[in-house]
Structure formats: structure tokens, C-alpha cells
N, C-alpha and C. Protein backbone atom coordinates (compact mmCIF):
# COMPACT_ATOMS: atom_id res chain seq x y z
N MET A 1 89.61 92.49 117.56
CA MET A 1 90.05 91.73 117.54
C MET A 1 91.40 92.17 118.75
N TYR A 2 92.33 91.33 119.33
CA TYR A 2 93.74 92.07 120.23
C TYR A 2 94.28 92.36 119.84
N LYS A 3 95.16 93.57 120.69
CA LYS A 3 96.19 94.51 120.27
C LYS A 3 97.40 93.92 121.27
N ILE A 4 98.81 94.29 120.63
CA ILE A 4 99.94 93.41 121.52
C ILE A 4 100.45 94.72 120.81
N LEU A 5 101.30 95.29 122.04
CA LEU A 5 102.23 96.10 122.20
C LEU A 5 103.45 95.54 122.84
N ILE A 6 104.60 95.53 121.51
CA ILE A 6 105.64 94.81 121.92
C ILE A 6 106.66 95.91 121.98
N ILE A 7 107.48 95.78 123.32
CA ILE A 7 108.81 96.38 123.36
C ILE A 7 109.80 95.29 123.47
N GLU A 8 110.35 96.26 122.91
CA GLU A 8 111.92 94.99 121.98
C GLU A 8 113.09 96.00 121.72
N ASP A 9 114.50 95.95 122.07
CA ASP A 9 115.02 97.50 121.45
C ASP A 9 115.81 96.33 120.22
N ASP A 10 115.74 95.25 120.17
CA ASP A 10 116.38 94.79 119.23
C ASP A 10 115.25 94.64 118.19
N GLN A 11 115.45 95.59 117.25
CA GLN A 11 114.58 95.12 116.14
C GLN A 11 114.12 94.43 115.36
N ILE A 12 115.51 93.40 115.15
CA ILE A 12 115.06 91.89 114.35
C ILE A 12 113.70 90.96 115.24
N ILE A 13 114.48 91.49 116.34
CA ILE A 13 113.56 90.45 117.26
C ILE A 13 112.22 90.89 117.54
N ALA A 14 111.83 92.02 117.26
CA ALA A 14 110.89 92.56 117.45
C ALA A 14 110.10 92.59 116.25
N LYS A 15 110.42 92.53 114.63
CA LYS A 15 109.99 91.98 113.41
C LYS A 15 109.88 90.92 113.81
N ALA A 16 110.52 89.53 114.17
CA ALA A 16 110.30 88.60 113.78
C ALA A 16 108.61 88.11 115.08
N LEU A 17 108.57 88.50 116.31
CA LEU A 17 108.12 87.78 116.93
C LEU A 17 106.17 89.23 116.06
N LYS A 18 106.47 89.89 115.14
CA LYS A 18 105.62 91.06 115.30
C LYS A 18 105.14 90.22 113.43
N ASN A 19 105.71 89.73 112.90
CA ASN A 19 105.14 89.06 111.64
C ASN A 19 104.94 87.35 112.60
N HIS A 20 105.18 87.06 113.10
CA HIS A 20 105.03 85.91 113.57
C HIS A 20 102.94 85.93 114.03
N LEU A 21 102.81 86.97 115.12
CA LEU A 21 102.02 87.16 115.70
C LEU A 21 100.67 87.64 114.40
N ASP A 22 101.34 88.22 113.60
CA ASP A 22 100.29 88.44 112.46
C ASP A 22 99.90 87.90 111.43
N LYS A 23 100.76 86.62 111.52
CA LYS A 23 100.11 85.32 111.01
C LYS A 23 98.54 84.56 112.16
N TRP A 24 98.76 85.33 112.95
CA TRP A 24 97.46 84.80 113.97
C TRP A 24 96.32 86.27 114.03
N GLU A 25 96.33 87.01 112.80
CA GLU A 25 95.30 88.00 112.73
C GLU A 25 95.58 89.10 114.13
N LEU A 26 96.44 89.14 114.53
CA LEU A 26 96.56 90.07 116.21
C LEU A 26 96.91 91.38 115.31
N GLU A 27 96.89 92.61 115.84
CA GLU A 27 96.97 93.44 115.90
C GLU A 27 98.02 93.91 116.42
N THR A 28 99.30 94.11 116.47
CA THR A 28 100.59 93.87 116.77
C THR A 28 101.23 95.31 116.58
N GLN A 29 101.78 96.31 117.45
CA GLN A 29 102.85 98.00 117.59
C GLN A 29 103.72 97.58 117.74
N ILE A 30 105.01 97.63 116.92
CA ILE A 30 106.33 98.16 117.97
C ILE A 30 107.09 99.26 119.25
N VAL A 31 106.76 99.28 119.37
CA VAL A 31 107.17 100.77 120.07
C VAL A 31 108.93 100.58 119.60
N GLU A 32 108.67 102.33 119.14
CA GLU A 32 110.39 102.68 118.18
C GLU A 32 110.85 103.87 119.21
N ASP A 33 109.74 104.45 120.36
CA ASP A 33 110.21 105.83 120.88
C ASP A 33 110.76 105.39 122.06
N PHE A 34 111.55 104.60 122.86
CA PHE A 34 111.87 104.39 124.52
C PHE A 34 111.23 105.71 125.33
N HIS A 35 111.75 106.72 124.62
CA HIS A 35 111.09 107.64 125.61
C HIS A 35 110.01 108.21 126.56
N HIS A 36 108.63 107.92 124.99
CA HIS A 36 107.51 107.64 125.11
C HIS A 36 106.87 106.54 125.08
N ILE A 37 107.27 105.42 125.99
CA ILE A 37 106.69 104.01 126.06
C ILE A 37 105.06 103.64 126.59
N LEU A 38 105.03 104.64 127.63
CA LEU A 38 103.59 105.24 128.32
C LEU A 38 102.84 106.10 127.38
N ASP A 39 103.16 106.98 126.40
CA ASP A 39 102.10 107.81 126.35
C ASP A 39 101.05 106.70 124.77
N GLN A 40 102.03 105.62 124.68
CA GLN A 40 102.18 104.92 123.15
C GLN A 40 101.37 103.55 123.99
N PHE A 41 101.79 103.17 125.13
CA PHE A 41 100.89 102.12 125.96
C PHE A 41 99.52 102.81 126.29
N VAL A 42 99.69 103.70 126.96
CA VAL A 42 98.28 104.36 127.52
C VAL A 42 97.11 104.70 125.90
N GLY A 43 97.89 105.18 124.79
CA GLY A 43 96.99 105.78 123.99
C GLY A 43 96.51 104.71 123.30
N VAL A 44 96.38 103.35 122.86
CA VAL A 44 95.59 102.24 122.68
C VAL A 44 95.67 101.12 123.78
N PHE A 45 94.21 100.90 123.66
CA PHE A 45 94.09 99.34 124.45
C PHE A 45 94.80 98.51 124.74
N GLN A 46 95.85 97.75 125.24
CA GLN A 46 96.30 97.13 124.95
C GLN A 46 96.10 95.82 126.04
N VAL A 47 96.22 94.83 124.93
CA VAL A 47 95.73 93.03 125.52
C VAL A 47 96.68 92.28 126.51
N LEU A 48 97.96 92.48 126.07
CA LEU A 48 98.81 92.26 125.96
C LEU A 48 100.44 92.78 125.98
N CYS A 49 101.03 92.96 126.52
CA CYS A 49 101.92 93.66 126.66
C CYS A 49 103.63 92.71 126.55
N ILE A 50 104.46 92.95 125.58
CA ILE A 50 105.63 91.86 125.77
C ILE A 50 106.61 92.98 125.82
N CYS A 51 107.34 92.50 127.00
CA CYS A 51 108.81 93.22 127.13
C CYS A 51 109.51 92.58 127.61
N GLU A 52 111.11 92.73 127.30
CA GLU A 52 112.32 92.57 127.87
C GLU A 52 112.39 92.81 128.93
N ASN A 53 112.80 91.76 129.55
CA ASN A 53 113.34 92.23 130.94
C ASN A 53 114.54 92.28 131.58
């Protein structure tokens, strides 16, 4: 199963994206602590990281 880390400060957008990806049976995780993003990224192997520019 693919694992996707969503880095988005707008929780409405992050949750909408997560809900959409979950329909495709993808394992998604939303970053909630922006001071420890790297720990969360390294802690779980990620295939795709989605972040806001």
C-alpha cells in the first residue's frame, strides 16, 4: 500500500485531500505538528509527499 504524507496548514484542504485519497485505499497521514515535520517524514517510509508551495 502506498503511504502519503500531506503537509498543508489549512486543515480543511488537508482533510479534503485525505478523504479523497482514502477512497483510493491509499494510506495517508496529515502533518499536525509543523515543528517536527522531518521526524514525521523520516519516521514512516513515504512514497509521495504533498506540500504547499
